[in-house]
Amino acid sequence: MIVRYDPFEELRKMQEDFDRTFEGYWTNLRKHSALQSGKGAPLGEFVSPAIEVQALDNQYVVKADLPGIDKKDIHVNVDNDTVTIAAETSNSVEKGSQAKDNYYCERYYGSYYREIPLASPVDEEHVTATFENGVLTLELPRKAFSPNTSKEVAIK
């Protein structure tokens, strides 16, 4: 069997390898950032925590994974039909001794941020939040639906 030589075939293969290498790098970085407590994200980048939202008859239940975060560093804001979850984290690993010139220090500072739009307004006064084992659970009761009332306005 005779195969015709294509001078550009090697360049195409090299381009495909190059694309595959960088595509895998960015994909793995995003996955690692979402699954870890932000440790894979570049410094200063926001990481979006993984969430689960359930729409029940009378409330929404939102669960967000925030591993490695202290409860005091989590901020939740409810505004009508939007829930915002924000958190800050910092990690520091220090090993060895500076005096012996075998000192190793690695630090990470990052932020979590997630804005969740809901289909109907929430009763902000009765929202409950719990944080256990790295999982934030929000119970968001729906506001009682009040039909729009119309009133004719007299023109003066």
N, C-alpha and C. Protein backbone atom coordinates (compact mmCIF):
# COMPACT_ATOMS: atom_id res chain seq x y z
N MET A 1 0.84 -1.17 0.00
CA MET A 1 0.00 0.00 0.00
C MET A 1 0.89 1.24 0.00
N ILE A 2 0.58 2.16 -0.87
CA ILE A 2 1.35 3.39 -0.98
C ILE A 2 0.55 4.51 -0.32
N VAL A 3 1.25 5.24 0.57
CA VAL A 3 0.61 6.35 1.28
C VAL A 3 1.24 7.63 0.77
N ARG A 4 0.39 8.54 0.38
CA ARG A 4 0.87 9.81 -0.13
C ARG A 4 1.38 10.66 1.03
N TYR A 5 2.54 11.25 0.88
CA TYR A 5 3.15 12.07 1.92
C TYR A 5 2.44 13.42 1.98
N ASP A 6 2.05 13.80 3.18
CA ASP A 6 1.43 15.11 3.40
C ASP A 6 2.37 15.91 4.30
N PRO A 7 2.99 16.93 3.78
CA PRO A 7 3.96 17.69 4.58
C PRO A 7 3.33 18.40 5.77
N PHE A 8 2.04 18.60 5.77
CA PHE A 8 1.39 19.32 6.86
C PHE A 8 0.81 18.39 7.94
N GLU A 9 0.87 17.08 7.70
CA GLU A 9 0.31 16.13 8.66
C GLU A 9 1.00 16.23 10.02
N GLU A 10 2.31 16.34 10.04
CA GLU A 10 3.03 16.46 11.31
C GLU A 10 2.64 17.75 12.05
N LEU A 11 2.45 18.83 11.32
CA LEU A 11 2.02 20.08 11.96
C LEU A 11 0.62 19.95 12.55
N ARG A 12 -0.28 19.28 11.84
CA ARG A 12 -1.63 19.06 12.37
C ARG A 12 -1.59 18.24 13.65
N LYS A 13 -0.78 17.17 13.66
CA LYS A 13 -0.66 16.33 14.85
C LYS A 13 -0.09 17.14 16.02
N MET A 14 0.88 17.96 15.73
CA MET A 14 1.49 18.77 16.78
C MET A 14 0.46 19.78 17.32
N GLN A 15 -0.32 20.38 16.44
CA GLN A 15 -1.35 21.33 16.87
C GLN A 15 -2.41 20.64 17.73
N GLU A 16 -2.83 19.44 17.33
CA GLU A 16 -3.80 18.67 18.11
C GLU A 16 -3.26 18.34 19.50
N ASP A 17 -1.99 17.92 19.57
CA ASP A 17 -1.38 17.61 20.87
C ASP A 17 -1.31 18.86 21.75
N PHE A 18 -0.95 19.96 21.13
CA PHE A 18 -0.87 21.24 21.85
C PHE A 18 -2.25 21.63 22.39
N ASP A 19 -3.28 21.56 21.54
CA ASP A 19 -4.64 21.89 21.97
C ASP A 19 -5.12 20.96 23.08
N ARG A 20 -4.87 19.67 22.95
CA ARG A 20 -5.30 18.70 23.94
C ARG A 20 -4.62 18.96 25.29
N THR A 21 -3.35 19.32 25.25
CA THR A 21 -2.61 19.61 26.49
C THR A 21 -3.23 20.78 27.23
N PHE A 22 -3.47 21.88 26.54
CA PHE A 22 -3.99 23.06 27.22
C PHE A 22 -5.47 22.93 27.56
N GLU A 23 -6.23 22.23 26.74
CA GLU A 23 -7.65 22.01 27.05
C GLU A 23 -7.77 21.21 28.35
N GLY A 24 -6.99 20.18 28.49
CA GLY A 24 -7.00 19.38 29.71
C GLY A 24 -6.54 20.18 30.91
N TYR A 25 -5.56 21.05 30.74
CA TYR A 25 -5.07 21.86 31.85
C TYR A 25 -6.16 22.77 32.39
N TRP A 26 -6.84 23.52 31.52
CA TRP A 26 -7.86 24.46 31.98
C TRP A 26 -9.07 23.72 32.54
N THR A 27 -9.46 22.61 31.92
CA THR A 27 -10.59 21.84 32.41
C THR A 27 -10.28 21.29 33.80
N ASN A 28 -9.09 20.71 33.97
CA ASN A 28 -8.73 20.15 35.27
C ASN A 28 -8.60 21.24 36.33
N LEU A 29 -8.11 22.41 35.96
CA LEU A 29 -7.98 23.51 36.92
C LEU A 29 -9.35 23.94 37.40
N ARG A 30 -10.34 24.05 36.48
CA ARG A 30 -11.69 24.45 36.88
C ARG A 30 -12.33 23.39 37.79
N LYS A 31 -12.19 22.11 37.41
CA LYS A 31 -12.75 21.04 38.23
C LYS A 31 -12.10 21.03 39.61
N HIS A 32 -10.79 21.14 39.64
CA HIS A 32 -10.07 21.13 40.91
C HIS A 32 -10.50 22.30 41.77
N SER A 33 -10.67 23.46 41.18
CA SER A 33 -11.07 24.65 41.93
C SER A 33 -12.46 24.49 42.50
N ALA A 34 -13.37 23.89 41.75
CA ALA A 34 -14.74 23.74 42.23
C ALA A 34 -14.86 22.67 43.30
N LEU A 35 -14.03 21.61 43.21
CA LEU A 35 -14.15 20.52 44.16
C LEU A 35 -13.34 20.74 45.41
N GLN A 36 -12.22 21.41 45.29
CA GLN A 36 -11.41 21.68 46.46
C GLN A 36 -11.87 22.97 47.10
N SER A 37 -11.32 23.31 48.22
CA SER A 37 -11.74 24.53 48.89
C SER A 37 -11.03 25.73 48.28
N GLY A 38 -10.99 25.78 46.97
CA GLY A 38 -10.40 26.91 46.28
C GLY A 38 -8.91 26.81 46.13
N LYS A 39 -8.29 25.74 46.62
CA LYS A 39 -6.84 25.67 46.62
C LYS A 39 -6.25 25.62 45.22
N GLY A 40 -7.02 25.17 44.23
CA GLY A 40 -6.49 25.09 42.88
C GLY A 40 -6.65 26.37 42.10
N ALA A 41 -7.36 27.33 42.65
CA ALA A 41 -7.62 28.57 41.94
C ALA A 41 -6.46 29.53 42.10
N PRO A 42 -6.19 30.33 41.08
CA PRO A 42 -5.16 31.34 41.22
C PRO A 42 -5.51 32.31 42.34
N LEU A 43 -4.51 32.94 42.90
CA LEU A 43 -4.73 33.87 44.00
C LEU A 43 -5.72 34.95 43.62
N GLY A 44 -6.62 35.25 44.54
CA GLY A 44 -7.56 36.34 44.33
C GLY A 44 -8.76 35.99 43.48
N GLU A 45 -8.84 34.76 42.98
CA GLU A 45 -9.95 34.39 42.11
C GLU A 45 -11.13 33.91 42.94
N PHE A 46 -12.34 34.23 42.50
CA PHE A 46 -13.54 33.73 43.16
C PHE A 46 -13.78 32.30 42.72
N VAL A 47 -14.18 31.47 43.66
CA VAL A 47 -14.53 30.10 43.35
C VAL A 47 -16.01 29.95 43.63
N SER A 48 -16.72 29.33 42.72
CA SER A 48 -18.15 29.14 42.87
C SER A 48 -18.40 27.80 43.54
N PRO A 49 -18.96 27.79 44.76
CA PRO A 49 -19.17 26.51 45.44
C PRO A 49 -20.24 25.67 44.74
N ALA A 50 -20.08 24.37 44.84
CA ALA A 50 -21.09 23.45 44.29
C ALA A 50 -22.34 23.56 45.14
N ILE A 51 -23.50 23.61 44.48
CA ILE A 51 -24.76 23.78 45.21
C ILE A 51 -25.78 22.74 44.78
N GLU A 52 -26.80 22.61 45.62
CA GLU A 52 -27.97 21.80 45.31
C GLU A 52 -29.18 22.62 45.73
N VAL A 53 -30.15 22.79 44.84
CA VAL A 53 -31.34 23.57 45.15
C VAL A 53 -32.57 22.68 44.97
N GLN A 54 -33.39 22.62 46.02
CA GLN A 54 -34.64 21.86 45.95
C GLN A 54 -35.80 22.84 46.09
N ALA A 55 -36.76 22.75 45.20
CA ALA A 55 -37.97 23.57 45.29
C ALA A 55 -39.08 22.68 45.83
N LEU A 56 -39.40 22.86 47.10
CA LEU A 56 -40.48 22.10 47.73
C LEU A 56 -41.76 22.93 47.66
N ASP A 57 -42.85 22.38 48.16
CA ASP A 57 -44.14 23.07 48.07
C ASP A 57 -44.12 24.45 48.73
N ASN A 58 -43.55 24.53 49.91
CA ASN A 58 -43.63 25.80 50.65
C ASN A 58 -42.28 26.45 50.91
N GLN A 59 -41.20 25.85 50.43
CA GLN A 59 -39.89 26.43 50.67
C GLN A 59 -38.87 25.93 49.65
N TYR A 60 -37.74 26.63 49.62
CA TYR A 60 -36.57 26.19 48.87
C TYR A 60 -35.56 25.69 49.89
N VAL A 61 -34.82 24.66 49.55
CA VAL A 61 -33.71 24.19 50.37
C VAL A 61 -32.47 24.27 49.50
N VAL A 62 -31.49 25.04 49.95
CA VAL A 62 -30.24 25.22 49.22
C VAL A 62 -29.11 24.64 50.06
N LYS A 63 -28.30 23.78 49.44
CA LYS A 63 -27.12 23.24 50.11
C LYS A 63 -25.91 23.65 49.29
N ALA A 64 -24.89 24.18 49.99
CA ALA A 64 -23.66 24.62 49.32
C ALA A 64 -22.47 23.98 50.01
N ASP A 65 -21.55 23.44 49.21
CA ASP A 65 -20.33 22.84 49.74
C ASP A 65 -19.29 23.93 49.98
N LEU A 66 -18.88 24.08 51.22
CA LEU A 66 -17.86 25.06 51.59
C LEU A 66 -16.83 24.39 52.51
N PRO A 67 -16.09 23.42 51.98
CA PRO A 67 -15.14 22.70 52.83
C PRO A 67 -13.99 23.60 53.28
N GLY A 68 -13.59 23.41 54.52
CA GLY A 68 -12.45 24.16 55.05
C GLY A 68 -12.74 25.59 55.44
N ILE A 69 -14.01 25.99 55.43
CA ILE A 69 -14.39 27.36 55.77
C ILE A 69 -14.91 27.38 57.20
N ASP A 70 -14.57 28.42 57.94
CA ASP A 70 -15.14 28.60 59.27
C ASP A 70 -16.50 29.26 59.15
N LYS A 71 -17.41 28.90 60.05
CA LYS A 71 -18.77 29.45 60.02
C LYS A 71 -18.76 30.98 60.09
N LYS A 72 -17.83 31.55 60.85
CA LYS A 72 -17.78 33.01 61.01
C LYS A 72 -17.37 33.72 59.72
N ASP A 73 -16.81 33.00 58.76
CA ASP A 73 -16.36 33.61 57.51
C ASP A 73 -17.38 33.50 56.38
N ILE A 74 -18.57 32.98 56.67
CA ILE A 74 -19.61 32.81 55.66
C ILE A 74 -20.65 33.92 55.81
N HIS A 75 -21.04 34.51 54.70
CA HIS A 75 -22.05 35.57 54.70
C HIS A 75 -23.14 35.19 53.71
N VAL A 76 -24.39 35.18 54.19
CA VAL A 76 -25.54 34.85 53.35
C VAL A 76 -26.46 36.05 53.33
N ASN A 77 -26.89 36.42 52.14
CA ASN A 77 -27.81 37.55 51.98
C ASN A 77 -29.00 37.09 51.13
N VAL A 78 -30.20 37.40 51.61
CA VAL A 78 -31.42 37.07 50.87
C VAL A 78 -32.10 38.37 50.51
N ASP A 79 -32.35 38.55 49.22
CA ASP A 79 -33.00 39.77 48.74
C ASP A 79 -34.13 39.38 47.79
N ASN A 80 -35.34 39.32 48.33
CA ASN A 80 -36.53 39.00 47.57
C ASN A 80 -36.44 37.60 46.95
N ASP A 81 -35.96 37.47 45.71
CA ASP A 81 -35.88 36.16 45.06
C ASP A 81 -34.46 35.77 44.67
N THR A 82 -33.48 36.32 45.39
CA THR A 82 -32.08 36.01 45.11
C THR A 82 -31.35 35.73 46.42
N VAL A 83 -30.56 34.66 46.43
CA VAL A 83 -29.74 34.31 47.58
C VAL A 83 -28.28 34.47 47.17
N THR A 84 -27.50 35.14 48.01
CA THR A 84 -26.08 35.31 47.75
C THR A 84 -25.30 34.66 48.88
N ILE A 85 -24.34 33.81 48.50
CA ILE A 85 -23.45 33.16 49.47
C ILE A 85 -22.04 33.64 49.17
N ALA A 86 -21.38 34.18 50.19
CA ALA A 86 -20.00 34.65 50.04
C ALA A 86 -19.20 34.15 51.23
N ALA A 87 -17.95 33.80 50.99
CA ALA A 87 -17.08 33.33 52.07
C ALA A 87 -15.64 33.63 51.71
N GLU A 88 -14.83 33.78 52.72
CA GLU A 88 -13.40 34.02 52.52
C GLU A 88 -12.64 32.93 53.26
N THR A 89 -11.52 32.53 52.70
CA THR A 89 -10.69 31.52 53.34
C THR A 89 -9.22 31.88 53.19
N SER A 90 -8.45 31.42 54.13
CA SER A 90 -7.00 31.54 54.02
C SER A 90 -6.39 30.31 54.66
N ASN A 91 -5.43 29.75 54.00
CA ASN A 91 -4.73 28.58 54.50
C ASN A 91 -3.25 28.88 54.55
N SER A 92 -2.60 28.32 55.51
CA SER A 92 -1.17 28.52 55.63
C SER A 92 -0.54 27.21 56.08
N VAL A 93 0.47 26.76 55.36
CA VAL A 93 1.21 25.56 55.71
C VAL A 93 2.66 25.97 55.90
N GLU A 94 3.21 25.69 57.06
CA GLU A 94 4.60 26.04 57.33
C GLU A 94 5.31 24.79 57.83
N LYS A 95 6.48 24.53 57.28
CA LYS A 95 7.27 23.36 57.67
C LYS A 95 8.72 23.76 57.79
N GLY A 96 9.45 23.07 58.61
CA GLY A 96 10.89 23.29 58.74
C GLY A 96 11.23 24.41 59.68
N SER A 97 12.46 24.91 59.54
CA SER A 97 12.97 25.94 60.42
C SER A 97 13.72 26.98 59.61
N GLN A 98 13.40 28.26 59.82
CA GLN A 98 14.12 29.32 59.11
C GLN A 98 15.57 29.36 59.53
N ALA A 99 15.84 29.03 60.76
CA ALA A 99 17.22 29.07 61.27
C ALA A 99 18.10 28.03 60.59
N LYS A 100 17.52 26.91 60.17
CA LYS A 100 18.30 25.83 59.54
C LYS A 100 18.24 25.89 58.01
N ASP A 101 17.67 26.95 57.46
CA ASP A 101 17.55 27.13 56.00
C ASP A 101 16.77 26.00 55.31
N ASN A 102 15.86 25.37 56.01
CA ASN A 102 15.00 24.38 55.37
C ASN A 102 13.54 24.71 55.67
N TYR A 103 13.22 25.95 55.52
CA TYR A 103 11.90 26.47 55.84
C TYR A 103 11.03 26.48 54.59
N TYR A 104 9.80 26.01 54.73
CA TYR A 104 8.85 25.96 53.62
C TYR A 104 7.54 26.57 54.09
N CYS A 105 6.99 27.49 53.32
CA CYS A 105 5.73 28.13 53.68
C CYS A 105 4.89 28.29 52.42
N GLU A 106 3.64 27.86 52.51
CA GLU A 106 2.72 28.02 51.39
C GLU A 106 1.44 28.63 51.92
N ARG A 107 0.98 29.69 51.29
CA ARG A 107 -0.23 30.38 51.74
C ARG A 107 -1.22 30.49 50.60
N TYR A 108 -2.49 30.47 50.97
CA TYR A 108 -3.56 30.63 49.99
C TYR A 108 -4.63 31.53 50.59
N TYR A 109 -5.08 32.47 49.80
CA TYR A 109 -6.20 33.34 50.17
C TYR A 109 -7.20 33.29 49.03
N GLY A 110 -8.43 33.05 49.33
CA GLY A 110 -9.42 32.97 48.27
C GLY A 110 -10.81 33.32 48.75
N SER A 111 -11.72 33.42 47.81
CA SER A 111 -13.09 33.78 48.12
C SER A 111 -14.05 32.86 47.38
N TYR A 112 -15.14 32.56 48.05
CA TYR A 112 -16.25 31.85 47.43
C TYR A 112 -17.35 32.87 47.18
N TYR A 113 -18.05 32.70 46.07
CA TYR A 113 -19.17 33.60 45.78
C TYR A 113 -20.16 32.86 44.91
N ARG A 114 -21.42 32.93 45.28
CA ARG A 114 -22.46 32.31 44.46
C ARG A 114 -23.74 33.10 44.63
N GLU A 115 -24.35 33.47 43.54
CA GLU A 115 -25.64 34.17 43.54
C GLU A 115 -26.66 33.21 42.91
N ILE A 116 -27.74 32.94 43.65
CA ILE A 116 -28.71 31.95 43.22
C ILE A 116 -30.07 32.62 43.01
N PRO A 117 -30.52 32.73 41.76
CA PRO A 117 -31.87 33.28 41.52
C PRO A 117 -32.92 32.20 41.78
N LEU A 118 -34.01 32.60 42.43
CA LEU A 118 -35.10 31.67 42.72
C LEU A 118 -36.33 32.07 41.91
N ALA A 119 -37.26 31.15 41.73
CA ALA A 119 -38.43 31.39 40.89
C ALA A 119 -39.48 32.27 41.56
N SER A 120 -39.46 32.34 42.88
CA SER A 120 -40.44 33.16 43.59
C SER A 120 -39.78 33.82 44.79
N PRO A 121 -40.39 34.89 45.30
CA PRO A 121 -39.81 35.61 46.44
C PRO A 121 -39.77 34.75 47.71
N VAL A 122 -38.83 35.10 48.58
CA VAL A 122 -38.59 34.37 49.82
C VAL A 122 -38.97 35.25 51.00
N ASP A 123 -39.51 34.62 52.04
CA ASP A 123 -39.83 35.32 53.28
C ASP A 123 -38.53 35.47 54.07
N GLU A 124 -37.87 36.62 53.92
CA GLU A 124 -36.56 36.85 54.51
C GLU A 124 -36.55 36.73 56.02
N GLU A 125 -37.66 37.00 56.67
CA GLU A 125 -37.74 36.98 58.14
C GLU A 125 -37.66 35.57 58.72
N HIS A 126 -37.96 34.56 57.94
CA HIS A 126 -38.03 33.19 58.46
C HIS A 126 -37.01 32.25 57.83
N VAL A 127 -35.97 32.78 57.25
CA VAL A 127 -34.91 31.95 56.65
C VAL A 127 -34.06 31.35 57.78
N THR A 128 -33.71 30.08 57.65
CA THR A 128 -32.81 29.45 58.61
C THR A 128 -31.57 28.94 57.88
N ALA A 129 -30.43 29.02 58.56
CA ALA A 129 -29.17 28.56 57.98
C ALA A 129 -28.43 27.72 59.01
N THR A 130 -27.91 26.59 58.55
CA THR A 130 -27.07 25.74 59.40
C THR A 130 -25.81 25.40 58.63
N PHE A 131 -24.73 25.20 59.36
CA PHE A 131 -23.45 24.85 58.74
C PHE A 131 -22.85 23.69 59.50
N GLU A 132 -22.73 22.54 58.82
CA GLU A 132 -22.22 21.35 59.48
C GLU A 132 -21.40 20.54 58.49
N ASN A 133 -20.20 20.14 58.92
CA ASN A 133 -19.30 19.31 58.11
C ASN A 133 -19.02 19.90 56.73
N GLY A 134 -18.86 21.21 56.66
CA GLY A 134 -18.52 21.86 55.41
C GLY A 134 -19.69 22.08 54.46
N VAL A 135 -20.91 21.82 54.92
CA VAL A 135 -22.09 22.01 54.06
C VAL A 135 -23.00 23.05 54.69
N LEU A 136 -23.27 24.12 53.95
CA LEU A 136 -24.20 25.16 54.37
C LEU A 136 -25.58 24.77 53.87
N THR A 137 -26.57 24.72 54.77
CA THR A 137 -27.94 24.39 54.39
C THR A 137 -28.84 25.57 54.71
N LEU A 138 -29.54 26.06 53.71
CA LEU A 138 -30.47 27.18 53.87
C LEU A 138 -31.89 26.69 53.63
N GLU A 139 -32.78 27.02 54.54
CA GLU A 139 -34.20 26.74 54.35
C GLU A 139 -34.87 28.08 54.14
N LEU A 140 -35.43 28.26 52.95
CA LEU A 140 -35.97 29.55 52.51
C LEU A 140 -37.47 29.42 52.25
N PRO A 141 -38.30 29.79 53.23
CA PRO A 141 -39.74 29.69 53.01
C PRO A 141 -40.21 30.69 51.95
N ARG A 142 -41.10 30.22 51.11
CA ARG A 142 -41.64 31.10 50.07
C ARG A 142 -42.61 32.08 50.70
N LYS A 143 -42.66 33.28 50.13
CA LYS A 143 -43.66 34.26 50.58
C LYS A 143 -45.02 33.82 50.10
N ALA A 144 -46.01 34.10 50.92
CA ALA A 144 -47.37 33.80 50.51
C ALA A 144 -47.69 34.63 49.27
N PHE A 145 -48.25 33.98 48.30
CA PHE A 145 -48.56 34.68 47.05
C PHE A 145 -49.74 35.61 47.27
N SER A 146 -49.53 36.85 46.94
CA SER A 146 -50.63 37.80 47.03
C SER A 146 -50.96 38.27 45.62
N PRO A 147 -52.17 38.05 45.20
CA PRO A 147 -52.53 38.45 43.84
C PRO A 147 -52.42 39.97 43.70
N ASN A 148 -52.04 40.36 42.51
CA ASN A 148 -51.94 41.79 42.26
C ASN A 148 -53.32 42.43 42.36
N THR A 149 -53.40 43.43 43.15
CA THR A 149 -54.66 44.15 43.25
C THR A 149 -54.51 45.43 42.43
N SER A 150 -55.52 45.72 41.68
CA SER A 150 -55.45 46.94 40.87
C SER A 150 -56.44 47.96 41.43
N LYS A 151 -56.04 49.16 41.29
CA LYS A 151 -56.89 50.25 41.77
C LYS A 151 -56.88 51.34 40.69
N GLU A 152 -58.03 51.77 40.35
CA GLU A 152 -58.11 52.84 39.35
C GLU A 152 -57.76 54.15 40.03
N VAL A 153 -56.93 54.90 39.37
CA VAL A 153 -56.47 56.17 39.90
C VAL A 153 -57.28 57.29 39.25
N ALA A 154 -57.84 58.12 40.10
CA ALA A 154 -58.63 59.26 39.58
C ALA A 154 -57.69 60.34 39.06
N ILE A 155 -58.01 60.88 37.95
CA ILE A 155 -57.20 61.95 37.35
C ILE A 155 -57.80 63.28 37.76
N LYS A 156 -56.95 64.14 38.28
CA LYS A 156 -57.42 65.45 38.73
C LYS A 156 -57.25 66.49 37.66
